[in-house]
Protein backbone atom coordinates (compact mmCIF):
# COMPACT_ATOMS: atom_id res chain seq x y z
CA MET A 1 34.39 -46.59 -125.53
CA ALA A 2 32.02 -46.26 -122.61
CA GLU A 3 32.37 -48.69 -119.94
CA TYR A 4 28.57 -49.05 -119.81
CA ASP A 5 25.64 -48.73 -122.28
CA TYR A 6 23.94 -46.26 -119.87
CA ASP A 7 24.96 -43.97 -117.01
CA LEU A 8 21.45 -44.52 -115.44
CA PHE A 9 18.94 -47.25 -116.37
CA VAL A 10 15.44 -46.77 -114.75
CA ILE A 11 12.95 -49.76 -114.46
CA GLY A 12 9.55 -48.25 -114.48
CA ALA A 13 8.12 -45.15 -116.06
CA GLY A 14 5.71 -43.97 -113.14
CA SER A 15 6.01 -40.61 -111.53
CA GLY A 16 9.19 -41.40 -109.39
CA GLY A 17 11.04 -43.21 -112.31
CA VAL A 18 10.19 -40.36 -114.81
CA ARG A 19 11.25 -37.61 -112.67
CA ALA A 20 14.62 -39.38 -111.93
CA ALA A 21 15.20 -40.02 -115.40
CA ARG A 22 14.39 -36.46 -116.63
CA LEU A 23 16.68 -34.82 -113.93
CA ALA A 24 19.47 -37.24 -114.85
CA ALA A 25 19.01 -36.77 -118.63
CA ASN A 26 18.89 -32.96 -118.06
CA MET A 27 22.55 -33.35 -116.45
CA GLY A 28 23.67 -34.84 -119.79
CA LEU A 29 23.89 -38.44 -118.76
CA LYS A 30 22.73 -41.37 -121.05
CA VAL A 31 19.54 -42.52 -119.60
CA GLY A 32 17.36 -45.43 -120.37
CA VAL A 33 13.85 -46.21 -119.00
CA ALA A 34 12.02 -49.54 -119.31
CA GLU A 35 8.29 -49.81 -119.15
CA GLU A 36 6.20 -52.67 -120.15
CA ASP A 37 2.86 -50.62 -119.91
CA ARG A 38 2.34 -47.10 -121.03
CA PRO A 39 4.31 -44.26 -119.17
CA GLY A 40 2.62 -42.68 -116.24
CA GLY A 41 2.54 -45.51 -113.62
CA THR A 42 -0.32 -46.24 -111.11
CA CYS A 43 -1.16 -42.55 -110.52
CA VAL A 44 -1.88 -41.68 -114.13
CA LEU A 45 -2.98 -44.95 -115.57
CA ARG A 46 -5.17 -46.75 -112.98
CA GLY A 47 -4.93 -44.48 -109.57
CA CYS A 48 -5.16 -41.03 -108.60
CA VAL A 49 -6.04 -39.32 -111.86
CA PRO A 50 -8.72 -41.39 -113.38
CA LYS A 51 -10.20 -42.20 -109.77
CA LYS A 52 -10.36 -38.25 -109.16
CA PHE A 53 -12.40 -37.90 -112.32
CA MET A 54 -14.62 -40.58 -111.16
CA VAL A 55 -14.98 -38.80 -107.86
CA TYR A 56 -16.01 -35.66 -109.63
CA ALA A 57 -18.54 -37.54 -111.74
CA SER A 58 -20.01 -39.13 -108.74
CA GLU A 59 -20.45 -35.95 -106.78
CA VAL A 60 -23.00 -34.62 -109.27
CA PRO A 61 -26.19 -36.01 -107.77
CA SER A 62 -25.37 -34.41 -104.36
CA ASN A 63 -24.44 -31.12 -106.18
CA ILE A 64 -28.02 -31.25 -107.99
CA ASP A 65 -29.41 -31.88 -104.54
CA TYR A 66 -27.84 -28.70 -103.13
CA ALA A 67 -28.89 -26.73 -106.12
CA ARG A 68 -32.54 -27.45 -105.51
CA GLY A 69 -31.86 -26.41 -101.90
CA PHE A 70 -30.68 -23.10 -103.22
CA GLY A 71 -33.76 -22.50 -105.37
CA TRP A 72 -32.60 -24.01 -108.65
CA ASP A 73 -35.32 -26.05 -110.58
CA VAL A 74 -33.16 -28.67 -111.85
CA THR A 75 -33.61 -32.29 -112.65
CA LEU A 76 -30.66 -35.03 -112.67
CA GLY A 77 -30.83 -36.97 -115.84
CA ASP A 78 -29.19 -40.31 -116.64
CA PHE A 79 -25.55 -40.94 -116.12
CA ASN A 80 -23.88 -42.31 -119.39
CA TRP A 81 -21.12 -44.56 -118.01
CA HIS A 82 -19.74 -45.35 -121.50
CA GLN A 83 -19.48 -41.77 -122.34
CA PHE A 84 -17.60 -40.92 -119.04
CA LYS A 85 -15.39 -43.94 -119.43
CA THR A 86 -14.42 -43.06 -122.97
CA HIS A 87 -13.48 -39.43 -121.81
CA ASN A 88 -11.60 -40.68 -118.74
CA GLN A 89 -9.60 -43.13 -120.88
CA ALA A 90 -8.94 -40.25 -123.49
CA GLU A 91 -7.59 -37.98 -120.71
CA VAL A 92 -5.43 -40.74 -119.26
CA THR A 93 -3.80 -41.44 -122.76
CA ARG A 94 -3.25 -37.57 -123.20
CA LEU A 95 -1.35 -37.55 -119.71
CA SER A 96 0.62 -40.74 -120.55
CA GLY A 97 1.59 -39.20 -123.82
CA ILE A 98 2.93 -36.09 -121.89
CA TYR A 99 4.98 -38.39 -119.69
CA GLY A 100 6.64 -39.99 -122.55
CA SER A 101 7.19 -36.63 -124.30
CA ASN A 102 8.84 -35.18 -121.34
CA LEU A 103 11.35 -38.05 -121.27
CA ALA A 104 11.97 -37.62 -124.95
CA ARG A 105 12.54 -33.87 -124.53
CA ALA A 106 14.89 -34.39 -121.74
CA GLY A 107 16.88 -36.83 -123.86
CA ALA A 108 16.15 -40.15 -121.95
CA GLU A 109 15.23 -43.22 -124.06
CA LEU A 110 11.96 -44.95 -123.26
CA ILE A 111 12.12 -48.58 -124.18
CA PRO A 112 8.71 -50.62 -124.30
CA CYS A 113 9.89 -53.76 -122.54
CA HIS A 114 10.03 -55.76 -119.45
CA ALA A 115 13.52 -55.45 -117.62
CA GLY A 116 14.98 -58.09 -115.35
CA PHE A 117 18.51 -58.52 -113.86
CA LYS A 118 21.16 -60.68 -115.23
CA ASP A 119 23.78 -59.38 -112.80
CA ASP A 120 24.22 -56.28 -110.80
CA HIS A 121 25.24 -54.10 -113.82
CA THR A 122 23.33 -56.08 -116.68
CA LEU A 123 19.61 -56.04 -117.46
CA ILE A 124 17.76 -58.41 -119.88
CA LEU A 125 15.27 -56.25 -121.84
CA THR A 126 12.31 -58.33 -123.21
CA SER A 127 9.81 -56.81 -125.73
CA SER A 128 6.14 -57.77 -126.14
CA ASP A 129 7.10 -59.93 -129.06
CA GLY A 130 9.60 -61.99 -126.96
CA ALA A 131 12.71 -60.63 -128.31
CA ALA A 132 15.39 -60.00 -125.67
CA ARG A 133 18.65 -58.16 -125.57
CA GLU A 134 21.17 -57.07 -122.84
CA VAL A 135 22.11 -53.75 -121.81
CA THR A 136 24.52 -52.50 -119.00
CA ALA A 137 24.35 -49.55 -116.77
CA LYS A 138 26.61 -47.89 -114.08
CA THR A 139 23.62 -46.94 -111.86
CA ILE A 140 20.24 -48.71 -111.82
CA LEU A 141 16.99 -47.35 -110.27
CA ILE A 142 14.10 -49.73 -109.58
CA ALA A 143 10.75 -47.86 -109.64
CA THR A 144 8.24 -50.52 -110.51
CA GLY A 145 5.57 -49.45 -108.20
CA GLY A 146 2.79 -51.90 -106.67
CA TRP A 147 -0.15 -53.94 -107.68
CA PRO A 148 -3.33 -54.87 -106.18
CA PHE A 149 -3.23 -57.98 -104.00
CA LEU A 150 -6.14 -60.68 -104.15
CA PRO A 151 -6.11 -63.17 -101.09
CA GLN A 152 -5.22 -66.59 -102.45
CA HIS A 153 -6.74 -68.45 -99.57
CA CYS A 154 -10.27 -67.66 -100.66
CA PRO A 155 -11.76 -69.90 -103.09
CA GLY A 156 -13.38 -68.24 -105.97
CA VAL A 157 -11.74 -64.80 -105.61
CA LEU A 158 -9.50 -65.01 -108.55
CA GLU A 159 -12.42 -66.11 -110.80
CA HIS A 160 -15.15 -63.86 -109.40
CA SER A 161 -13.86 -60.64 -108.23
CA LEU A 162 -12.33 -57.34 -109.40
CA THR A 163 -9.43 -55.20 -108.32
CA SER A 164 -9.19 -51.40 -108.39
CA ASN A 165 -7.40 -51.68 -111.67
CA ASP A 166 -10.65 -53.17 -113.11
CA MET A 167 -13.02 -50.52 -112.13
CA PHE A 168 -12.02 -48.07 -114.71
CA GLU A 169 -12.88 -50.57 -117.51
CA LEU A 170 -16.18 -51.96 -116.36
CA PRO A 171 -18.38 -52.83 -119.37
CA GLU A 172 -21.36 -51.75 -117.29
CA LEU A 173 -22.15 -50.29 -113.87
CA PRO A 174 -23.34 -52.99 -111.63
CA LYS A 175 -26.62 -52.47 -109.71
CA LYS A 176 -25.15 -53.88 -106.59
CA LEU A 177 -21.54 -53.90 -105.57
CA VAL A 178 -19.58 -55.53 -102.57
CA ILE A 179 -16.24 -53.89 -101.79
CA VAL A 180 -14.00 -56.03 -99.57
CA GLY A 181 -11.51 -54.09 -97.47
CA GLY A 182 -11.34 -51.02 -95.24
CA GLY A 183 -8.46 -49.01 -96.46
CA TYR A 184 -8.47 -45.72 -98.38
CA ILE A 185 -8.99 -47.47 -101.79
CA ALA A 186 -12.09 -49.09 -100.33
CA VAL A 187 -13.64 -46.05 -99.00
CA GLU A 188 -12.90 -44.04 -102.15
CA PHE A 189 -14.50 -46.47 -104.41
CA ALA A 190 -17.46 -46.93 -101.99
CA GLY A 191 -18.20 -43.10 -102.40
CA ILE A 192 -17.83 -43.06 -106.06
CA MET A 193 -19.93 -46.23 -106.90
CA ASN A 194 -22.64 -44.99 -104.42
CA GLY A 195 -22.62 -41.52 -106.08
CA LEU A 196 -23.12 -43.15 -109.44
CA GLY A 197 -26.11 -44.87 -108.26
CA VAL A 198 -24.80 -48.35 -107.32
CA ASP A 199 -26.11 -50.18 -104.14
CA VAL A 200 -22.80 -50.40 -102.24
CA THR A 201 -21.76 -52.76 -99.40
CA LEU A 202 -18.29 -52.31 -97.60
CA MET A 203 -17.14 -55.35 -95.99
CA TYR A 204 -14.07 -55.18 -93.62
CA ARG A 205 -12.72 -57.87 -91.37
CA GLY A 206 -11.57 -55.27 -88.72
CA GLU A 207 -13.56 -53.48 -86.00
CA LYS A 208 -13.18 -50.14 -87.90
CA ILE A 209 -12.48 -49.02 -91.34
CA LEU A 210 -9.31 -47.04 -92.18
CA ARG A 211 -6.84 -48.88 -89.93
CA GLY A 212 -3.98 -46.50 -89.25
CA PHE A 213 -5.98 -43.29 -89.25
CA ASP A 214 -7.04 -41.28 -86.31
CA SER A 215 -9.73 -43.20 -84.35
CA ASP A 216 -12.21 -40.15 -84.35
CA VAL A 217 -11.52 -39.75 -88.14
CA ARG A 218 -12.56 -43.40 -88.67
CA ASP A 219 -15.80 -43.08 -86.66
CA HIS A 220 -16.67 -39.83 -88.33
CA LEU A 221 -16.18 -40.97 -91.82
CA SER A 222 -18.21 -44.29 -91.17
CA ALA A 223 -20.96 -42.35 -90.00
CA GLU A 224 -20.94 -40.10 -92.91
CA MET A 225 -20.72 -42.91 -95.42
CA LYS A 226 -23.81 -44.64 -93.76
CA LEU A 227 -25.73 -41.39 -94.09
CA ARG A 228 -25.19 -41.41 -97.64
CA GLY A 229 -26.69 -44.80 -98.05
CA ILE A 230 -23.48 -47.03 -97.83
CA THR A 231 -23.80 -50.23 -96.05
CA ILE A 232 -20.78 -50.94 -93.82
CA LEU A 233 -20.33 -54.43 -92.34
CA THR A 234 -17.38 -54.88 -90.13
CA GLY A 235 -16.02 -58.06 -88.37
CA VAL A 236 -16.76 -60.11 -91.69
CA ASP A 237 -14.71 -61.63 -94.16
CA PRO A 238 -15.56 -63.63 -97.17
CA ILE A 239 -14.29 -67.29 -97.26
CA LYS A 240 -15.63 -68.42 -100.54
CA LEU A 241 -17.10 -66.74 -103.69
CA HIS A 242 -19.31 -68.51 -106.38
CA THR A 243 -21.65 -67.07 -108.92
CA GLU A 244 -25.25 -68.06 -109.87
CA GLY A 245 -26.29 -66.26 -113.16
CA ASP A 246 -25.63 -62.67 -112.82
CA ASP A 247 -25.21 -62.85 -109.10
CA THR A 248 -22.05 -63.34 -106.88
CA ILE A 249 -22.60 -65.17 -103.72
CA LEU A 250 -20.23 -64.47 -100.85
CA HIS A 251 -19.83 -67.07 -98.04
CA LEU A 252 -18.96 -65.14 -94.93
CA ASN A 253 -16.78 -66.26 -91.82
CA ASN A 254 -19.84 -65.67 -89.64
CA GLY A 255 -21.73 -68.59 -91.62
CA GLU A 256 -24.02 -66.18 -93.47
CA THR A 257 -24.11 -65.65 -97.32
CA PHE A 258 -24.40 -62.29 -99.13
CA THR A 259 -25.85 -62.01 -102.66
CA THR A 260 -24.58 -59.06 -104.83
CA GLY A 261 -23.84 -58.21 -108.50
CA LYS A 262 -19.99 -57.63 -108.51
CA VAL A 263 -17.24 -57.86 -105.90
CA MET A 264 -14.36 -55.58 -105.68
CA TYR A 265 -11.35 -56.59 -103.52
CA ALA A 266 -9.48 -53.52 -102.02
CA SER A 267 -7.58 -55.85 -99.61
CA GLY A 268 -4.02 -54.29 -100.09
CA ARG A 269 -1.42 -53.80 -102.75
CA LYS A 270 1.99 -55.34 -102.84
CA PRO A 271 5.23 -54.19 -104.35
CA LYS A 272 5.62 -55.22 -107.92
CA THR A 273 8.89 -57.19 -108.07
CA GLU A 274 7.81 -60.17 -110.11
CA GLY A 275 10.28 -60.81 -112.99
CA LEU A 276 13.03 -58.50 -111.80
CA ASN A 277 15.24 -61.62 -111.05
CA LEU A 278 16.34 -60.17 -107.90
CA ASP A 279 17.45 -63.58 -106.74
CA VAL A 280 20.51 -63.21 -108.86
CA LEU A 281 21.52 -60.26 -106.70
CA ASP A 282 22.27 -60.00 -102.87
CA ILE A 283 18.94 -58.13 -102.45
CA LYS A 284 16.41 -60.00 -100.24
CA LEU A 285 12.68 -58.85 -100.10
CA ASP A 286 11.22 -57.97 -96.70
CA VAL A 287 8.36 -59.69 -95.08
CA HIS A 288 5.97 -57.56 -97.10
CA GLY A 289 7.64 -58.25 -100.45
CA ALA A 290 9.32 -54.95 -100.54
CA ILE A 291 12.93 -53.92 -101.59
CA PRO A 292 14.67 -52.83 -98.47
CA VAL A 293 16.54 -49.48 -98.87
CA ASP A 294 18.38 -47.31 -96.54
CA ALA A 295 17.57 -43.63 -95.86
CA PHE A 296 19.06 -42.57 -99.21
CA SER A 297 16.99 -45.17 -101.23
CA ARG A 298 20.00 -47.36 -101.75
CA THR A 299 19.75 -51.20 -101.74
CA ALA A 300 22.13 -53.77 -100.32
CA ILE A 301 24.02 -53.05 -103.69
CA PRO A 302 25.63 -49.60 -103.62
CA HIS A 303 24.81 -48.66 -107.21
CA ILE A 304 21.12 -50.11 -107.15
CA PHE A 305 18.53 -47.93 -105.69
CA ALA A 306 14.84 -48.19 -105.42
CA ILE A 307 12.15 -45.67 -104.79
CA GLY A 308 8.25 -45.48 -104.64
CA ASP A 309 5.79 -48.13 -103.77
CA VAL A 310 8.18 -50.96 -104.68
CA THR A 311 9.96 -49.84 -101.18
CA ASN A 312 6.67 -49.85 -99.34
CA ARG A 313 7.69 -46.81 -97.18
CA MET A 314 5.00 -44.26 -97.79
CA ASN A 315 3.08 -45.19 -101.09
CA LEU A 316 2.11 -41.70 -102.39
CA THR A 317 2.90 -40.26 -105.82
CA PRO A 318 4.40 -36.98 -104.40
CA VAL A 319 6.47 -38.98 -102.05
CA ALA A 320 7.92 -41.04 -104.90
CA ILE A 321 8.76 -37.82 -106.89
CA ARG A 322 10.51 -36.32 -103.83
CA GLU A 323 12.40 -39.72 -103.40
CA ALA A 324 13.52 -39.36 -107.03
CA VAL A 325 14.90 -36.01 -106.56
CA ALA A 326 16.77 -37.13 -103.46
CA PHE A 327 18.00 -40.20 -105.44
CA VAL A 328 19.64 -37.92 -108.18
CA GLU A 329 21.43 -35.66 -105.63
CA THR A 330 22.66 -38.75 -103.80
CA ALA A 331 23.59 -41.17 -106.64
CA LEU A 332 24.55 -38.78 -109.51
CA LYS A 333 25.59 -35.50 -107.87
CA ASP A 334 27.68 -36.98 -104.89
CA ASN A 335 25.31 -34.88 -102.56
CA PRO A 336 23.79 -37.38 -100.20
CA VAL A 337 20.16 -36.43 -99.48
CA ALA A 338 17.60 -38.38 -97.59
CA PHE A 339 13.98 -37.39 -98.05
CA ASP A 340 12.24 -36.84 -94.74
CA HIS A 341 9.04 -39.13 -94.59
CA SER A 342 7.74 -37.44 -91.31
CA ASN A 343 4.70 -35.19 -91.16
CA ILE A 344 3.53 -35.74 -94.88
CA PRO A 345 0.17 -34.40 -95.56
CA THR A 346 -2.30 -36.94 -97.14
CA ALA A 347 -5.68 -36.80 -98.52
CA VAL A 348 -8.36 -39.61 -98.89
CA PHE A 349 -10.90 -38.81 -101.58
CA SER A 350 -13.71 -40.40 -99.70
CA GLN A 351 -17.04 -38.59 -99.59
CA PRO A 352 -16.65 -36.58 -97.46
CA GLU A 353 -12.89 -36.19 -97.97
CA ILE A 354 -10.17 -36.78 -95.30
CA GLY A 355 -7.11 -34.70 -94.85
CA THR A 356 -4.56 -35.65 -92.38
CA VAL A 357 -0.98 -34.83 -91.29
CA GLY A 358 1.25 -35.66 -88.40
CA LEU A 359 0.41 -38.05 -85.45
CA SER A 360 -3.00 -39.62 -84.80
CA GLU A 361 -4.17 -39.63 -81.19
CA ASP A 362 -3.19 -43.28 -80.94
CA ASP A 363 0.25 -42.53 -82.32
CA ALA A 364 0.86 -39.79 -79.67
CA LYS A 365 -0.44 -42.11 -76.95
CA ALA A 366 1.99 -44.93 -78.08
CA LYS A 367 4.81 -42.73 -78.06
CA GLY A 368 4.21 -41.56 -74.51
CA ILE A 369 3.59 -37.98 -75.55
CA VAL A 370 1.50 -35.91 -73.11
CA TYR A 371 -0.91 -34.11 -75.46
CA ASP A 372 -4.05 -32.12 -75.50
CA VAL A 373 -6.88 -32.43 -78.12
CA TYR A 374 -8.84 -29.72 -79.69
CA GLN A 375 -11.74 -30.78 -81.97
CA THR A 376 -15.08 -29.74 -83.39
CA ARG A 377 -17.96 -31.12 -85.34
CA PHE A 378 -20.19 -28.71 -87.31
CA ARG A 379 -22.74 -28.38 -90.15
CA PRO A 380 -21.02 -26.12 -92.87
CA MET A 381 -23.26 -23.09 -93.76
CA LYS A 382 -23.82 -24.61 -97.32
CA THR A 383 -25.18 -27.67 -95.84
CA ALA A 384 -27.09 -26.13 -93.01
CA PHE A 385 -28.72 -23.81 -95.57
CA VAL A 386 -30.30 -26.77 -97.46
CA GLY A 387 -31.19 -28.76 -94.40
CA GLY A 388 -28.52 -31.46 -94.80
CA GLU A 389 -27.24 -33.37 -91.89
CA SER A 390 -23.55 -33.92 -92.97
CA ARG A 391 -21.00 -32.52 -90.72
CA THR A 392 -17.35 -31.52 -90.90
CA PHE A 393 -14.88 -32.79 -88.32
CA MET A 394 -11.58 -31.24 -87.31
CA LYS A 395 -9.14 -32.20 -84.71
CA LEU A 396 -5.85 -30.85 -83.57
CA ILE A 397 -3.42 -32.81 -81.39
CA VAL A 398 -1.08 -30.52 -79.40
CA GLU A 399 1.89 -31.67 -77.50
CA ALA A 400 1.33 -30.25 -73.82
CA ASP A 401 4.88 -29.25 -72.99
CA SER A 402 5.79 -27.43 -76.15
CA ASP A 403 2.36 -26.42 -77.47
CA VAL A 404 3.47 -27.64 -80.86
CA VAL A 405 0.62 -28.93 -83.16
CA ILE A 406 1.70 -32.48 -83.88
CA GLY A 407 -1.31 -33.81 -85.69
CA CYS A 408 -4.26 -32.25 -87.70
CA HIS A 409 -7.12 -34.38 -88.97
CA LEU A 410 -10.07 -33.27 -91.17
CA VAL A 411 -13.11 -34.82 -92.53
CA GLY A 412 -15.29 -32.71 -94.81
CA HIS A 413 -15.58 -31.02 -98.08
CA ASP A 414 -12.33 -29.74 -99.36
CA ALA A 415 -10.35 -31.35 -96.65
CA GLY A 416 -7.82 -32.48 -99.19
CA GLU A 417 -7.32 -28.72 -100.11
CA MET A 418 -7.18 -27.55 -96.59
CA ILE A 419 -4.57 -30.17 -95.32
CA GLN A 420 -1.96 -29.05 -97.92
CA LEU A 421 -1.83 -25.72 -96.21
CA ALA A 422 -2.29 -27.01 -92.61
CA GLY A 423 0.67 -29.48 -93.43
CA ILE A 424 3.05 -26.52 -93.89
CA ALA A 425 2.24 -25.46 -90.39
CA VAL A 426 2.72 -28.95 -88.86
CA LYS A 427 5.91 -29.50 -90.78
CA ALA A 428 7.22 -26.24 -89.49
CA ARG A 429 6.14 -27.26 -85.97
CA LEU A 430 4.22 -24.26 -85.32
CA THR A 431 2.46 -23.89 -81.91
CA LYS A 432 -1.12 -23.80 -81.12
CA ALA A 433 -0.53 -20.16 -80.01
CA GLN A 434 0.73 -19.34 -83.47
CA TRP A 435 -2.30 -21.06 -85.07
CA ASP A 436 -4.60 -19.13 -82.99
CA ALA A 437 -2.86 -15.88 -83.64
CA THR A 438 -3.54 -16.31 -87.30
CA CYS A 439 -6.59 -14.33 -88.46
CA ALA A 440 -9.40 -16.51 -89.49
CA VAL A 441 -10.93 -16.12 -93.22
CA HIS A 442 -14.66 -15.63 -92.80
CA PRO A 443 -17.03 -17.34 -93.78
CA THR A 444 -15.10 -20.56 -94.45
CA ALA A 445 -15.00 -24.05 -92.83
CA ALA A 446 -11.20 -23.74 -92.68
CA GLU A 447 -11.37 -20.85 -90.18
CA GLU A 448 -12.43 -23.37 -87.55
CA LEU A 449 -8.64 -24.54 -87.65
CA VAL A 450 -7.67 -21.16 -86.09
CA THR A 451 -10.67 -20.69 -83.82
CA ILE A 452 -10.77 -23.87 -81.80
CA LYS A 453 -10.14 -22.79 -78.30
CA ASP A 454 -11.65 -25.45 -75.91
CA LYS A 455 -9.64 -28.51 -75.03
CA ARG A 456 -11.44 -31.83 -75.14
CA LEU A 457 -11.82 -33.02 -71.59
């Protein structure tokens, strides 16, 4: 008789949890996966995937403008939000089904339930009807992800505001929308809603949007968003919300009020640990509410691991997947592997897009690195042809002594596509001379990455 019910039990069927479960099941291990929602996690259900479809939809008006500039006699019709929403939800359902099918094909058992700890090897599984049972596992992986955060100190926020989760289920598109926050989720939804014809105002309490990104990137994107008709108010923060009829009134910290239709808060996300009953274990959450882990994703208890957003290391789907692969090697194959979280290329699907990898200029300065900066701003030929004013921005940060490119930052069309390949070069620590020795692909915007010659003084 087996000592435990499962060799591995995974809490959460998002991208990281599913990858770990599939790999373990393919090894012939008995694997259980608890998921209280549909499989797929944030990315598939209420993040990257449905949001990217919204980006595509919102870009159509600008594409029509380009078409007219290139001689096409075209007219933009009305946008049918209900039709789009139905298609978007259907695609999410299809992808979620694939996640479930892949688990079953690998031999892992997907259990629709909530899981919480009874002790370090025992979990209480509670189904939606309230029925509960206990299971035991030799190794346990926590991959429960994150959840939008609403500021509790602001009266009216809980009653009168939306989160990013709600944006995919809106019954109607609002005529006016205030987005509170200045991070990547805020700027992405600002671009989406603006493109769909909503009057968008972005409110951020800080001096510049996109804290943590390169300062020039922040400035450039802010200017581009304003060029597209998005209002950006910095240094302001709502202190109270209330409604009057169909309007939402925001009382701001500067004493003013602001009237809008709907309010979306993108003020951050927090690790989803509620109901895990971690207090019965020797696992204490950090100041951000995340589960602390070592380089191998191991918690304070050697046979309990955690990966993905619940650890608040780098909250990206591909990172969770790579952490899952490293976990399987470490915990199940006796081959300790630590995923390297440095120089990870990332994209923000703002409009225009951001692609970034490596150190920002502020990072390099804080580390005491002596560096050179190469940067350029230009109108892409497609935009110049139609008389548009939007500009692409590119910036390379180069360590002066070694000539190694330690940072690459892009803002412009297809920046997300370009940064994937630029990320290889930064990860490989190629020098500026090696970038320069690479022949340009002409005519492209990307060729500027290998033709920037002049240092910024």
